[in-house]
């Protein structure tokens, strides 16, 4: 029953962006700003119906994601749940983008520097929250499967696997916290650089730890 709610939440999150755009279309001006250059200045105006592109892609992609989640069921409920949580986080980012660009369209914003809220920082912060949530679930992966900290060493046995998922969860949550800090402190798109660096460090640390866990395992 709980997983059915997760499936419903994932599907609703995938649909939400399209619902927002369809509800706003009759009231949007036409044309609207549809592209900005690196300086944040609009360099192309287009039809308001272009707002349907990204929500439409999310709608097409969502059945594929939900199907992948069902495949993960064979590896345990936790694997399936983590995939569903990942989908919710991913589609929520798409929804935030849809809402943000609807705002730009309604206000006919020509220069993003005039806005009090930066899209890069908003999405980076939301992504950080998603990483923290995923990091919290990773230690619950008790058996090797398609998700989690997967390396040639972490797959050695269940004991090593569990140690690696616990460490990987901490590293993932730390990367998420770093992403949220970057969203608050780094200007504009620079927050993504810090987020990528944090994720890279978490991945490298996870790989190093998995090798150490495998080498020091009593069953070696």
Protein backbone atom coordinates (compact mmCIF):
# COMPACT_ATOMS: atom_id res chain seq x y z
CA UNK A 1 0.00 0.00 0.00
CA UNK A 2 2.81 2.43 0.88
CA UNK A 3 4.52 1.84 -2.45
CA UNK A 4 1.26 2.52 -4.26
CA UNK A 5 1.31 5.95 -2.66
CA UNK A 6 4.86 6.48 -3.86
CA UNK A 7 3.82 5.50 -7.39
CA UNK A 8 0.88 7.89 -7.19
CA UNK A 9 3.12 10.69 -5.89
CA UNK A 10 5.64 10.10 -8.70
CA UNK A 11 2.93 10.15 -11.37
CA UNK A 12 1.34 13.28 -9.88
CA UNK A 13 4.70 15.06 -9.71
CA UNK A 14 5.33 14.17 -13.36
CA UNK A 15 1.92 15.58 -14.33
CA UNK A 16 2.04 18.69 -12.19
CA UNK A 17 4.17 20.75 -14.57
CA UNK A 18 1.81 20.03 -17.46
CA UNK A 19 -1.21 20.88 -15.31
CA UNK A 20 0.35 24.21 -14.33
CA UNK A 21 1.14 25.12 -17.93
CA UNK A 22 -2.28 24.13 -19.27
CA UNK A 23 -3.98 26.17 -16.55
CA UNK A 24 -1.79 29.20 -17.29
CA UNK A 25 -1.87 29.11 -21.10
CA UNK A 26 -5.15 31.04 -21.55
CA UNK A 27 -3.76 33.90 -19.46
CA UNK A 28 -0.18 34.02 -20.76
CA UNK A 29 0.79 36.88 -23.07
CA UNK A 30 2.00 35.94 -26.53
CA UNK A 31 4.87 36.05 -27.41
CA UNK A 32 6.89 35.34 -24.27
CA UNK A 33 10.65 35.24 -23.55
CA UNK A 34 11.78 31.67 -24.23
CA UNK A 35 15.58 31.89 -24.13
CA UNK A 36 18.21 33.92 -22.28
CA UNK A 37 21.91 34.33 -23.02
CA UNK A 38 24.75 33.74 -20.57
CA UNK A 39 24.32 37.26 -19.19
CA UNK A 40 20.69 36.54 -18.34
CA UNK A 41 19.28 38.80 -21.06
CA UNK A 42 16.47 37.51 -23.28
CA UNK A 43 17.69 36.74 -26.80
CA UNK A 44 14.65 34.99 -28.24
CA UNK A 45 10.91 35.47 -27.98
CA UNK A 46 8.50 32.72 -28.98
CA UNK A 47 4.99 31.36 -28.78
CA UNK A 48 3.52 30.70 -25.36
CA UNK A 49 2.77 27.16 -26.54
CA UNK A 50 6.50 26.40 -26.34
CA UNK A 51 5.88 26.15 -22.60
CA UNK A 52 4.37 22.73 -23.29
CA UNK A 53 7.64 21.20 -24.50
CA UNK A 54 9.32 20.29 -21.21
CA UNK A 55 6.15 19.18 -19.36
CA UNK A 56 5.32 17.09 -22.42
CA UNK A 57 8.73 15.43 -22.34
CA UNK A 58 8.30 14.70 -18.62
CA UNK A 59 4.93 13.12 -19.38
CA UNK A 60 6.49 10.87 -22.03
CA UNK A 61 9.44 9.95 -19.82
CA UNK A 62 7.41 9.19 -16.68
CA UNK A 63 6.04 5.76 -17.83
CA UNK A 64 9.59 4.66 -18.63
CA UNK A 65 10.73 5.68 -15.17
CA UNK A 66 7.80 3.99 -13.45
CA UNK A 67 8.49 0.84 -15.47
CA UNK A 68 12.10 0.88 -14.31
CA UNK A 69 10.88 1.19 -10.73
CA UNK A 70 8.76 -1.93 -11.19
CA UNK A 71 11.78 -3.81 -12.51
CA UNK A 72 13.67 -2.86 -9.34
CA UNK A 73 10.97 -4.63 -7.30
CA UNK A 74 12.82 -7.88 -7.91
CA UNK A 75 15.76 -6.52 -5.90
CA UNK A 76 13.73 -5.60 -2.82
CA UNK A 77 11.28 -2.96 -1.70
CA UNK A 78 13.97 -0.49 -0.64
CA UNK A 79 15.53 -0.43 -4.13
CA UNK A 80 12.12 0.22 -5.62
CA UNK A 81 11.40 2.93 -3.06
CA UNK A 82 14.69 4.72 -3.73
CA UNK A 83 14.00 4.74 -7.47
CA UNK A 84 10.55 6.21 -6.80
CA UNK A 85 12.03 8.88 -4.51
CA UNK A 86 14.57 9.72 -7.21
CA UNK A 87 11.75 10.12 -9.70
CA UNK A 88 9.78 12.38 -7.37
CA UNK A 89 12.86 14.58 -6.85
CA UNK A 90 13.63 14.69 -10.59
CA UNK A 91 10.08 15.57 -11.66
CA UNK A 92 9.81 18.14 -8.84
CA UNK A 93 12.81 19.93 -10.36
CA UNK A 94 11.00 19.96 -13.72
CA UNK A 95 7.92 21.39 -12.00
CA UNK A 96 9.97 24.16 -10.40
CA UNK A 97 11.40 25.02 -13.80
CA UNK A 98 7.92 25.14 -15.32
CA UNK A 99 6.65 27.42 -12.56
CA UNK A 100 9.72 29.66 -12.87
CA UNK A 101 9.39 30.07 -16.64
CA UNK A 102 5.67 30.71 -16.31
CA UNK A 103 6.54 33.55 -13.98
CA UNK A 104 9.05 34.90 -16.52
CA UNK A 105 6.37 34.71 -19.22
CA UNK A 106 3.71 36.49 -17.17
CA UNK A 107 6.10 39.25 -16.12
CA UNK A 108 7.75 39.50 -19.58
CA UNK A 109 11.13 39.52 -17.83
CA UNK A 110 13.90 40.66 -20.17
CA UNK A 111 16.81 40.53 -17.70
CA UNK A 112 17.13 37.78 -15.09
CA UNK A 113 19.39 39.97 -12.96
CA UNK A 114 16.30 41.99 -12.02
CA UNK A 115 14.72 38.98 -10.27
CA UNK A 116 15.13 38.44 -6.51
CA UNK A 117 15.31 34.64 -6.98
CA UNK A 118 17.88 32.95 -9.20
CA UNK A 119 16.78 29.76 -10.99
CA UNK A 120 20.20 28.12 -10.70
CA UNK A 121 20.27 28.59 -6.94
CA UNK A 122 16.68 27.43 -6.57
CA UNK A 123 17.25 24.20 -8.51
CA UNK A 124 20.61 23.55 -6.85
CA UNK A 125 19.01 23.87 -3.42
CA UNK A 126 16.13 21.58 -4.41
CA UNK A 127 18.61 19.04 -5.79
CA UNK A 128 20.50 19.18 -2.50
CA UNK A 129 17.33 18.30 -0.60
CA UNK A 130 16.80 15.34 -2.93
CA UNK A 131 20.36 14.11 -2.36
CA UNK A 132 19.90 14.28 1.41
CA UNK A 133 16.68 12.25 1.15
CA UNK A 134 18.38 9.62 -1.01
CA UNK A 135 21.35 9.49 1.35
CA UNK A 136 18.98 8.78 4.20
CA UNK A 137 17.54 5.75 2.35
CA UNK A 138 20.78 4.22 1.06
CA UNK A 139 21.78 2.51 4.36
CA UNK A 140 18.51 0.56 4.16
CA UNK A 141 19.73 -1.33 1.09
CA UNK A 142 20.50 -4.68 2.71
CA UNK A 143 21.27 -6.74 -0.40
CA UNK A 144 23.21 -5.96 -3.60
CA UNK A 145 20.94 -4.56 -6.29
CA UNK A 146 20.73 -2.07 -9.16
CA UNK A 147 20.86 1.04 -6.97
CA UNK A 148 23.25 2.21 -4.28
CA UNK A 149 27.03 2.43 -4.03
CA UNK A 150 27.94 -0.19 -6.64
CA UNK A 151 31.60 -0.97 -7.21
CA UNK A 152 33.46 -4.26 -7.87
CA UNK A 153 34.38 -4.24 -4.16
CA UNK A 154 31.00 -3.32 -2.64
CA UNK A 155 29.40 -6.33 -4.36
CA UNK A 156 31.72 -8.80 -2.58
CA UNK A 157 29.14 -9.94 -0.01
CA UNK A 158 26.22 -8.64 2.03
CA UNK A 159 28.38 -7.46 4.92
CA UNK A 160 30.59 -5.32 2.71
CA UNK A 161 27.55 -4.14 0.76
CA UNK A 162 25.82 -2.89 3.89
CA UNK A 163 28.93 -1.09 5.13
CA UNK A 164 29.31 0.59 1.75
CA UNK A 165 25.68 1.70 1.59
CA UNK A 166 25.95 3.21 5.05
CA UNK A 167 29.08 5.13 4.06
CA UNK A 168 27.58 6.03 0.67
CA UNK A 169 24.47 7.39 2.36
CA UNK A 170 26.56 9.65 4.57
CA UNK A 171 28.57 10.83 1.55
CA UNK A 172 25.41 11.46 -0.48
CA UNK A 173 23.81 13.45 2.33
CA UNK A 174 27.01 15.45 2.77
CA UNK A 175 27.01 16.27 -0.95
CA UNK A 176 23.39 17.35 -0.63
CA UNK A 177 24.24 19.64 2.28
CA UNK A 178 27.11 21.10 0.25
CA UNK A 179 24.73 21.72 -2.67
CA UNK A 180 22.32 23.57 -0.39
CA UNK A 181 25.17 25.66 1.02
CA UNK A 182 26.31 26.45 -2.53
CA UNK A 183 22.77 27.50 -3.43
CA UNK A 184 22.85 30.01 -0.58
CA UNK A 185 26.40 31.29 -1.04
CA UNK A 186 27.54 30.86 -4.67
CA UNK A 187 26.38 33.36 -7.30
CA UNK A 188 24.31 32.17 -10.25
CA UNK A 189 25.41 29.07 -12.12
CA UNK A 190 28.57 28.77 -10.00
CA UNK A 191 26.53 26.81 -7.44
CA UNK A 192 26.35 23.91 -9.95
CA UNK A 193 30.15 23.74 -10.07
CA UNK A 194 30.32 23.32 -6.30
CA UNK A 195 27.56 20.72 -6.40
CA UNK A 196 29.39 18.71 -9.08
CA UNK A 197 32.61 18.91 -7.08
CA UNK A 198 30.77 17.71 -3.95
CA UNK A 199 29.21 14.79 -5.84
CA UNK A 200 32.56 13.89 -7.39
CA UNK A 201 34.21 13.90 -3.97
CA UNK A 202 31.40 11.73 -2.58
CA UNK A 203 31.80 9.26 -5.46
CA UNK A 204 35.57 9.05 -5.09
CA UNK A 205 35.30 8.65 -1.32
CA UNK A 206 32.71 5.91 -1.79
CA UNK A 207 34.90 4.00 -4.24
CA UNK A 208 37.94 4.26 -1.95
CA UNK A 209 35.94 3.16 1.06
CA UNK A 210 34.38 0.21 -0.78
CA UNK A 211 37.85 -1.05 -1.70
CA UNK A 212 38.98 -0.64 1.90
CA UNK A 213 35.86 -2.43 3.21
CA UNK A 214 36.40 -5.34 0.84
CA UNK A 215 40.10 -5.69 1.64
CA UNK A 216 39.55 -5.63 5.40
CA UNK A 217 36.55 -7.96 5.35
CA UNK A 218 37.15 -11.06 7.56
CA UNK A 219 35.93 -13.29 4.75
CA UNK A 220 38.87 -12.19 2.56
